[in-house]
Amino acid sequence: MTRDEVIAKWISVNEQLPKTGQRVLVSFIAPSGKRWTTCADYIAPKSILEADYMDEQYTDGGEYDEEKDCYWTTSGWYEFNYEPETNWRLGEKVTHWMPLPKAPEATEQPSEAAAQ
């Protein structure tokens, strides 16, 4: 495996977007002017029903499709939350993204210090 295969590269959103629902790292500039990185999902327009992605108490109303009589999740970037029904739409403009690395294989339990 080459070094370039091991090190993921940032991809401009102007060049390519991830697949809908693919969890990736994203980079954006906050209102303070600082660049931030977080884990997020990209949702393309009319690709995921709002009821399938968000709990109704956390929705923003979605995009109503009169022909299909359904609400689509509003397109955009959603910051990942361990409770999937509370994914929050990022208000900042994402400029770049990269795939997540593979998770390590769990072959041992963490030490007590690491578990705290």
C-alpha atoms as a PDB file:
ATOM      1  CA  MET A   1       0.000   0.000   0.000  1.00  0.00           C
ATOM      2  CA  THR A   2       1.401   3.389  -0.964  1.00  0.00           C
ATOM      3  CA  ARG A   3       1.490   6.407   1.309  1.00  0.00           C
ATOM      4  CA  ASP A   4      -1.186   8.126  -0.861  1.00  0.00           C
ATOM      5  CA  GLU A   5      -3.520   5.147  -0.407  1.00  0.00           C
ATOM      6  CA  VAL A   6      -3.161   5.391   3.379  1.00  0.00           C
ATOM      7  CA  ILE A   7      -3.614   9.172   3.647  1.00  0.00           C
ATOM      8  CA  ALA A   8      -7.053  10.346   2.577  1.00  0.00           C
ATOM      9  CA  LYS A   9      -7.259  13.648   0.728  1.00  0.00           C
ATOM     10  CA  TRP A  10      -9.763  16.460   1.081  1.00  0.00           C
ATOM     11  CA  ILE A  11     -12.203  16.702  -1.820  1.00  0.00           C
ATOM     12  CA  SER A  12     -13.736  20.042  -2.784  1.00  0.00           C
ATOM     13  CA  VAL A  13     -17.548  20.031  -2.798  1.00  0.00           C
ATOM     14  CA  ASN A  14     -17.235  21.871  -6.118  1.00  0.00           C
ATOM     15  CA  GLU A  15     -15.523  18.802  -7.596  1.00  0.00           C
ATOM     16  CA  GLN A  16     -17.564  15.961  -6.100  1.00  0.00           C
ATOM     17  CA  LEU A  17     -20.121  15.202  -3.391  1.00  0.00           C
ATOM     18  CA  PRO A  18     -20.278  11.972  -1.395  1.00  0.00           C
ATOM     19  CA  LYS A  19     -23.075   9.473  -1.881  1.00  0.00           C
ATOM     20  CA  THR A  20     -26.287  10.360  -0.090  1.00  0.00           C
ATOM     21  CA  GLY A  21     -26.149   9.203   3.529  1.00  0.00           C
ATOM     22  CA  GLN A  22     -22.414   8.443   3.398  1.00  0.00           C
ATOM     23  CA  ARG A  23     -20.781   9.494   6.667  1.00  0.00           C
ATOM     24  CA  VAL A  24     -17.657  11.565   5.994  1.00  0.00           C
ATOM     25  CA  LEU A  25     -15.382  14.156   7.567  1.00  0.00           C
ATOM     26  CA  VAL A  26     -16.296  17.677   6.506  1.00  0.00           C
ATOM     27  CA  SER A  27     -14.493  20.992   6.754  1.00  0.00           C
ATOM     28  CA  PHE A  28     -16.170  24.389   6.930  1.00  0.00           C
ATOM     29  CA  ILE A  29     -15.434  27.926   8.030  1.00  0.00           C
ATOM     30  CA  ALA A  30     -17.394  28.995  11.103  1.00  0.00           C
ATOM     31  CA  PRO A  31     -18.811  32.520  11.508  1.00  0.00           C
ATOM     32  CA  SER A  32     -15.777  33.265  13.720  1.00  0.00           C
ATOM     33  CA  GLY A  33     -13.549  32.728  10.668  1.00  0.00           C
ATOM     34  CA  LYS A  34     -11.998  29.549  12.076  1.00  0.00           C
ATOM     35  CA  ARG A  35     -11.956  26.355  10.054  1.00  0.00           C
ATOM     36  CA  TRP A  36     -13.729  23.428  11.746  1.00  0.00           C
ATOM     37  CA  THR A  37     -13.929  19.729  11.011  1.00  0.00           C
ATOM     38  CA  THR A  38     -16.730  17.383  12.017  1.00  0.00           C
ATOM     39  CA  CYS A  39     -18.353  14.128  10.979  1.00  0.00           C
ATOM     40  CA  ALA A  40     -21.442  14.543   8.783  1.00  0.00           C
ATOM     41  CA  ASP A  41     -23.811  12.942   6.272  1.00  0.00           C
ATOM     42  CA  TYR A  42     -24.672  14.541   2.935  1.00  0.00           C
ATOM     43  CA  ILE A  43     -28.320  14.331   1.868  1.00  0.00           C
ATOM     44  CA  ALA A  44     -29.023  15.000  -1.819  1.00  0.00           C
ATOM     45  CA  PRO A  45     -32.337  16.640  -2.838  1.00  0.00           C
ATOM     46  CA  LYS A  46     -35.351  14.303  -2.725  1.00  0.00           C
ATOM     47  CA  SER A  47     -33.258  11.277  -1.786  1.00  0.00           C
ATOM     48  CA  ILE A  48     -34.335  10.321   1.756  1.00  0.00           C
ATOM     49  CA  LEU A  49     -37.807  10.588   3.240  1.00  0.00           C
ATOM     50  CA  GLU A  50     -37.806  12.870   6.260  1.00  0.00           C
ATOM     51  CA  ALA A  51     -39.607  10.256   8.385  1.00  0.00           C
ATOM     52  CA  ASP A  52     -36.795   7.787   7.636  1.00  0.00           C
ATOM     53  CA  TYR A  53     -33.994  10.168   8.677  1.00  0.00           C
ATOM     54  CA  MET A  54     -35.300  12.399  11.472  1.00  0.00           C
ATOM     55  CA  ASP A  55     -37.613  12.094  14.445  1.00  0.00           C
ATOM     56  CA  GLU A  56     -40.664  14.306  13.823  1.00  0.00           C
ATOM     57  CA  GLN A  57     -39.894  16.542  16.818  1.00  0.00           C
ATOM     58  CA  TYR A  58     -36.519  17.482  15.258  1.00  0.00           C
ATOM     59  CA  THR A  59     -37.543  18.028  11.629  1.00  0.00           C
ATOM     60  CA  ASP A  60     -37.458  21.353   9.852  1.00  0.00           C
ATOM     61  CA  GLY A  61     -40.569  20.562   7.819  1.00  0.00           C
ATOM     62  CA  GLY A  62     -38.655  19.066   4.949  1.00  0.00           C
ATOM     63  CA  GLU A  63     -39.551  19.560   1.310  1.00  0.00           C
ATOM     64  CA  TYR A  64     -43.126  18.608   0.502  1.00  0.00           C
ATOM     65  CA  ASP A  65     -43.658  16.590  -2.687  1.00  0.00           C
ATOM     66  CA  GLU A  66     -47.286  17.097  -3.702  1.00  0.00           C
ATOM     67  CA  GLU A  67     -47.119  14.450  -6.443  1.00  0.00           C
ATOM     68  CA  LYS A  68     -45.921  11.725  -4.053  1.00  0.00           C
ATOM     69  CA  ASP A  69     -47.612  13.217  -0.956  1.00  0.00           C
ATOM     70  CA  CYS A  70     -44.503  12.952   1.192  1.00  0.00           C
ATOM     71  CA  TYR A  71     -41.843  15.080   2.848  1.00  0.00           C
ATOM     72  CA  TRP A  72     -38.207  14.737   1.791  1.00  0.00           C
ATOM     73  CA  THR A  73     -35.329  15.515   4.148  1.00  0.00           C
ATOM     74  CA  THR A  74     -34.062  19.005   3.346  1.00  0.00           C
ATOM     75  CA  SER A  75     -30.917  18.585   1.258  1.00  0.00           C
ATOM     76  CA  GLY A  76     -27.591  19.540   2.794  1.00  0.00           C
ATOM     77  CA  TRP A  77     -25.057  18.426   5.379  1.00  0.00           C
ATOM     78  CA  TYR A  78     -26.099  16.949   8.731  1.00  0.00           C
ATOM     79  CA  GLU A  79     -23.672  16.714  11.631  1.00  0.00           C
ATOM     80  CA  PHE A  80     -23.519  13.138  12.859  1.00  0.00           C
ATOM     81  CA  ASN A  81     -24.971  12.409  16.265  1.00  0.00           C
ATOM     82  CA  TYR A  82     -24.881   9.009  17.950  1.00  0.00           C
ATOM     83  CA  GLU A  83     -28.667   9.248  18.247  1.00  0.00           C
ATOM     84  CA  PRO A  84     -29.679   9.140  14.572  1.00  0.00           C
ATOM     85  CA  GLU A  85     -33.027  10.854  15.009  1.00  0.00           C
ATOM     86  CA  THR A  86     -31.284  14.078  16.118  1.00  0.00           C
ATOM     87  CA  ASN A  87     -28.937  14.807  13.223  1.00  0.00           C
ATOM     88  CA  TRP A  88     -28.497  18.586  13.058  1.00  0.00           C
ATOM     89  CA  ARG A  89     -28.296  20.365   9.728  1.00  0.00           C
ATOM     90  CA  LEU A  90     -25.075  22.346   9.421  1.00  0.00           C
ATOM     91  CA  GLY A  91     -25.778  26.014   8.861  1.00  0.00           C
ATOM     92  CA  GLU A  92     -22.228  26.705   7.724  1.00  0.00           C
ATOM     93  CA  LYS A  93     -21.159  26.124   4.146  1.00  0.00           C
ATOM     94  CA  VAL A  94     -19.105  22.938   3.853  1.00  0.00           C
ATOM     95  CA  THR A  95     -16.135  23.460   1.525  1.00  0.00           C
ATOM     96  CA  HIS A  96     -14.410  20.046   1.587  1.00  0.00           C
ATOM     97  CA  TRP A  97     -14.994  16.437   2.639  1.00  0.00           C
ATOM     98  CA  MET A  98     -13.086  13.160   2.862  1.00  0.00           C
ATOM     99  CA  PRO A  99     -14.069   9.540   3.453  1.00  0.00           C
ATOM    100  CA  LEU A 100     -13.722   8.208   6.976  1.00  0.00           C
ATOM    101  CA  PRO A 101     -10.811   5.822   7.561  1.00  0.00           C
ATOM    102  CA  LYS A 102     -11.569   2.201   8.319  1.00  0.00           C
ATOM    103  CA  ALA A 103     -12.186   1.567  12.004  1.00  0.00           C
ATOM    104  CA  PRO A 104      -9.489  -0.387  13.828  1.00  0.00           C
ATOM    105  CA  GLU A 105     -10.159  -4.032  14.471  1.00  0.00           C
ATOM    106  CA  ALA A 106     -11.034  -4.524  18.129  1.00  0.00           C
ATOM    107  CA  THR A 107      -8.709  -7.243  19.310  1.00  0.00           C
ATOM    108  CA  GLU A 108      -8.357  -6.170  22.911  1.00  0.00           C
ATOM    109  CA  GLN A 109     -10.245  -4.293  25.594  1.00  0.00           C
ATOM    110  CA  PRO A 110      -9.145  -0.725  26.403  1.00  0.00           C
ATOM    111  CA  SER A 111      -7.159  -0.141  29.564  1.00  0.00           C
ATOM    112  CA  GLU A 112      -9.027   1.221  32.597  1.00  0.00           C
ATOM    113  CA  ALA A 113      -7.461   4.645  32.095  1.00  0.00           C
ATOM    114  CA  ALA A 114      -8.539   4.773  28.440  1.00  0.00           C
ATOM    115  CA  ALA A 115     -12.092   3.655  29.306  1.00  0.00           C
ATOM    116  CA  GLN A 116     -12.645   6.626  31.692  1.00  0.00           C
END
